[in-house]
Amino acid sequence: MPKTVKVTQKGQVTIPRDIRNLLKTDVVEFVVIDGNIVVKPVESVAGSLKSYAKKYTPLKDVREKVWGEVVHDRVVKKTS
């Protein structure tokens, strides 16, 4: 089932839907084997960075903290 797709100037390609459905993930790994490029599904990256985390923080909390810092920085910059 060969598929031909165009590589954009940014080096991007759209993976055809039927192949994406076979991958069953939105994370892939490229591997070169004997001069051939193989796209392999990465089923889960969850937990791969777990050893670096001091504790679990919900994404909502992280967003609020970062936006608070951005707003603070912009206010300080305008008043300086």
N, C-alpha and C. Protein backbone atom coordinates (compact mmCIF):
# COMPACT_ATOMS: atom_id res chain seq x y z
N MET A 1 0.83 -1.17 0.00
CA MET A 1 0.00 0.00 0.00
C MET A 1 0.88 1.25 0.00
N PRO A 2 1.69 1.46 -1.02
CA PRO A 2 2.54 2.64 -1.08
C PRO A 2 1.70 3.92 -1.21
N LYS A 3 2.15 4.96 -0.55
CA LYS A 3 1.49 6.27 -0.62
C LYS A 3 2.56 7.30 -0.96
N THR A 4 2.23 8.24 -1.81
CA THR A 4 3.16 9.30 -2.17
C THR A 4 2.62 10.61 -1.61
N VAL A 5 3.47 11.31 -0.87
CA VAL A 5 3.07 12.60 -0.30
C VAL A 5 4.19 13.60 -0.58
N LYS A 6 3.85 14.88 -0.55
CA LYS A 6 4.82 15.94 -0.81
C LYS A 6 5.41 16.43 0.50
N VAL A 7 6.71 16.67 0.51
CA VAL A 7 7.39 17.26 1.65
C VAL A 7 7.36 18.78 1.44
N THR A 8 6.84 19.52 2.41
CA THR A 8 6.75 20.98 2.29
C THR A 8 8.12 21.61 2.48
N GLN A 9 8.21 22.91 2.22
CA GLN A 9 9.47 23.63 2.41
C GLN A 9 9.92 23.58 3.87
N LYS A 10 8.98 23.40 4.80
CA LYS A 10 9.31 23.30 6.22
C LYS A 10 9.66 21.87 6.64
N GLY A 11 9.68 20.95 5.67
CA GLY A 11 10.02 19.56 5.97
C GLY A 11 8.86 18.77 6.55
N GLN A 12 7.64 19.24 6.31
CA GLN A 12 6.47 18.57 6.86
C GLN A 12 5.77 17.73 5.81
N VAL A 13 5.13 16.66 6.26
CA VAL A 13 4.29 15.84 5.38
C VAL A 13 2.99 15.55 6.11
N THR A 14 1.95 15.30 5.35
CA THR A 14 0.69 14.86 5.93
C THR A 14 0.62 13.35 5.76
N ILE A 15 0.50 12.67 6.87
CA ILE A 15 0.39 11.21 6.82
C ILE A 15 -1.05 10.88 6.43
N PRO A 16 -1.25 10.11 5.37
CA PRO A 16 -2.61 9.77 4.95
C PRO A 16 -3.42 9.14 6.08
N ARG A 17 -4.71 9.42 6.09
CA ARG A 17 -5.60 8.99 7.17
C ARG A 17 -5.56 7.49 7.42
N ASP A 18 -5.58 6.70 6.35
CA ASP A 18 -5.59 5.24 6.57
C ASP A 18 -4.31 4.77 7.26
N ILE A 19 -3.20 5.43 7.00
CA ILE A 19 -1.96 5.07 7.68
C ILE A 19 -1.98 5.58 9.12
N ARG A 20 -2.49 6.81 9.34
CA ARG A 20 -2.63 7.32 10.71
C ARG A 20 -3.49 6.39 11.54
N ASN A 21 -4.55 5.87 10.95
CA ASN A 21 -5.43 4.95 11.68
C ASN A 21 -4.67 3.67 12.08
N LEU A 22 -3.78 3.23 11.23
CA LEU A 22 -2.97 2.04 11.55
C LEU A 22 -1.98 2.34 12.68
N LEU A 23 -1.46 3.58 12.72
CA LEU A 23 -0.49 3.94 13.75
C LEU A 23 -1.12 3.96 15.14
N LYS A 24 -2.38 4.38 15.24
CA LYS A 24 -3.12 4.45 16.51
C LYS A 24 -2.45 5.35 17.54
N THR A 25 -1.70 6.36 17.08
CA THR A 25 -1.05 7.31 17.97
C THR A 25 -0.70 8.55 17.15
N ASP A 26 -0.45 9.65 17.83
CA ASP A 26 -0.04 10.85 17.11
C ASP A 26 1.45 11.15 17.35
N VAL A 27 2.16 10.18 17.89
CA VAL A 27 3.60 10.30 18.10
C VAL A 27 4.28 9.17 17.33
N VAL A 28 5.23 9.55 16.47
CA VAL A 28 5.93 8.55 15.67
C VAL A 28 7.44 8.73 15.81
N GLU A 29 8.15 7.70 15.45
CA GLU A 29 9.61 7.69 15.50
C GLU A 29 10.10 7.31 14.11
N PHE A 30 11.12 8.03 13.63
CA PHE A 30 11.72 7.70 12.35
C PHE A 30 12.99 6.89 12.61
N VAL A 31 13.13 5.77 11.91
CA VAL A 31 14.29 4.91 12.07
C VAL A 31 14.83 4.61 10.67
N VAL A 32 16.16 4.71 10.51
CA VAL A 32 16.79 4.36 9.24
C VAL A 32 17.36 2.95 9.38
N ILE A 33 16.88 2.03 8.52
CA ILE A 33 17.32 0.64 8.54
C ILE A 33 17.78 0.29 7.13
N ASP A 34 19.07 0.01 7.00
CA ASP A 34 19.64 -0.35 5.70
C ASP A 34 19.26 0.65 4.60
N GLY A 35 19.32 1.94 4.92
CA GLY A 35 19.02 2.98 3.94
C GLY A 35 17.54 3.24 3.72
N ASN A 36 16.68 2.50 4.40
CA ASN A 36 15.24 2.72 4.30
C ASN A 36 14.76 3.46 5.54
N ILE A 37 13.81 4.37 5.35
CA ILE A 37 13.25 5.12 6.47
C ILE A 37 11.96 4.44 6.90
N VAL A 38 11.89 4.09 8.16
CA VAL A 38 10.73 3.41 8.72
C VAL A 38 10.08 4.33 9.73
N VAL A 39 8.77 4.49 9.63
CA VAL A 39 8.01 5.27 10.60
C VAL A 39 7.36 4.30 11.57
N LYS A 40 7.71 4.43 12.85
CA LYS A 40 7.20 3.51 13.86
C LYS A 40 6.32 4.26 14.84
N PRO A 41 5.18 3.70 15.22
CA PRO A 41 4.34 4.34 16.21
C PRO A 41 4.97 4.29 17.59
N VAL A 42 4.82 5.36 18.34
CA VAL A 42 5.23 5.40 19.74
C VAL A 42 3.93 5.42 20.53
N GLU A 43 3.60 4.30 21.14
CA GLU A 43 2.30 4.15 21.75
C GLU A 43 2.08 5.05 22.95
N SER A 44 3.13 5.26 23.74
CA SER A 44 2.94 6.11 24.91
C SER A 44 4.26 6.75 25.31
N VAL A 45 4.20 8.05 25.54
CA VAL A 45 5.36 8.74 26.08
C VAL A 45 5.10 9.11 27.53
N ALA A 46 3.94 8.72 28.02
CA ALA A 46 3.58 9.02 29.41
C ALA A 46 4.57 8.37 30.35
N GLY A 47 5.02 9.13 31.29
CA GLY A 47 5.93 8.61 32.29
C GLY A 47 7.39 8.66 31.89
N SER A 48 7.69 9.00 30.64
CA SER A 48 9.08 9.01 30.21
C SER A 48 9.89 10.11 30.88
N LEU A 49 9.24 11.16 31.35
CA LEU A 49 9.93 12.26 32.04
C LEU A 49 9.63 12.27 33.53
N LYS A 50 9.00 11.22 34.00
CA LYS A 50 8.55 11.15 35.38
C LYS A 50 9.69 11.37 36.38
N SER A 51 10.86 10.86 36.09
CA SER A 51 11.97 10.98 37.03
C SER A 51 12.42 12.43 37.22
N TYR A 52 12.06 13.31 36.28
CA TYR A 52 12.46 14.72 36.38
C TYR A 52 11.45 15.55 37.18
N ALA A 53 10.26 15.05 37.35
CA ALA A 53 9.21 15.80 38.05
C ALA A 53 9.35 15.63 39.55
N LYS A 54 9.23 16.75 40.26
CA LYS A 54 9.27 16.69 41.71
C LYS A 54 7.92 16.25 42.26
N LYS A 55 6.83 16.72 41.59
CA LYS A 55 5.48 16.32 41.97
C LYS A 55 4.56 16.58 40.79
N TYR A 56 3.40 15.99 40.81
CA TYR A 56 2.42 16.19 39.75
C TYR A 56 1.77 17.56 39.90
N THR A 57 1.70 18.31 38.81
CA THR A 57 1.01 19.59 38.79
C THR A 57 0.06 19.58 37.61
N PRO A 58 -1.23 19.80 37.85
CA PRO A 58 -2.19 19.82 36.74
C PRO A 58 -1.83 20.92 35.73
N LEU A 59 -2.06 20.64 34.45
CA LEU A 59 -1.74 21.59 33.39
C LEU A 59 -2.43 22.93 33.61
N LYS A 60 -3.66 22.89 34.10
CA LYS A 60 -4.41 24.13 34.36
C LYS A 60 -3.63 25.03 35.33
N ASP A 61 -3.06 24.45 36.36
CA ASP A 61 -2.29 25.23 37.33
C ASP A 61 -1.02 25.81 36.71
N VAL A 62 -0.38 25.03 35.87
CA VAL A 62 0.84 25.50 35.21
C VAL A 62 0.51 26.67 34.30
N ARG A 63 -0.58 26.55 33.51
CA ARG A 63 -1.00 27.64 32.62
C ARG A 63 -1.27 28.91 33.40
N GLU A 64 -2.02 28.80 34.50
CA GLU A 64 -2.35 29.98 35.29
C GLU A 64 -1.08 30.65 35.82
N LYS A 65 -0.14 29.85 36.28
CA LYS A 65 1.11 30.40 36.82
C LYS A 65 1.89 31.12 35.72
N VAL A 66 2.02 30.49 34.57
CA VAL A 66 2.78 31.08 33.47
C VAL A 66 2.11 32.36 32.98
N TRP A 67 0.79 32.33 32.80
CA TRP A 67 0.09 33.55 32.35
C TRP A 67 0.23 34.66 33.38
N GLY A 68 0.21 34.32 34.64
CA GLY A 68 0.42 35.33 35.69
C GLY A 68 1.80 35.96 35.56
N GLU A 69 2.81 35.15 35.29
CA GLU A 69 4.16 35.66 35.12
C GLU A 69 4.27 36.53 33.88
N VAL A 70 3.62 36.13 32.79
CA VAL A 70 3.65 36.91 31.55
C VAL A 70 3.00 38.27 31.78
N VAL A 71 1.84 38.28 32.41
CA VAL A 71 1.15 39.54 32.68
C VAL A 71 2.02 40.42 33.58
N HIS A 72 2.59 39.85 34.61
CA HIS A 72 3.45 40.61 35.53
C HIS A 72 4.63 41.22 34.77
N ASP A 73 5.29 40.41 33.94
CA ASP A 73 6.44 40.90 33.18
C ASP A 73 6.06 42.04 32.24
N ARG A 74 4.90 41.96 31.60
CA ARG A 74 4.47 43.01 30.68
C ARG A 74 4.12 44.29 31.44
N VAL A 75 3.52 44.16 32.62
CA VAL A 75 3.18 45.33 33.41
C VAL A 75 4.46 46.01 33.89
N VAL A 76 5.42 45.24 34.36
CA VAL A 76 6.68 45.78 34.85
C VAL A 76 7.43 46.47 33.70
N LYS A 77 7.42 45.85 32.52
CA LYS A 77 8.11 46.42 31.36
C LYS A 77 7.50 47.77 30.97
N LYS A 78 6.14 47.87 31.00
CA LYS A 78 5.47 49.10 30.60
C LYS A 78 5.71 50.22 31.62
N THR A 79 5.84 49.87 32.88
CA THR A 79 6.00 50.91 33.91
C THR A 79 7.47 51.27 34.13
N SER A 80 8.38 50.53 33.50
CA SER A 80 9.82 50.82 33.69
C SER A 80 10.29 51.88 32.75
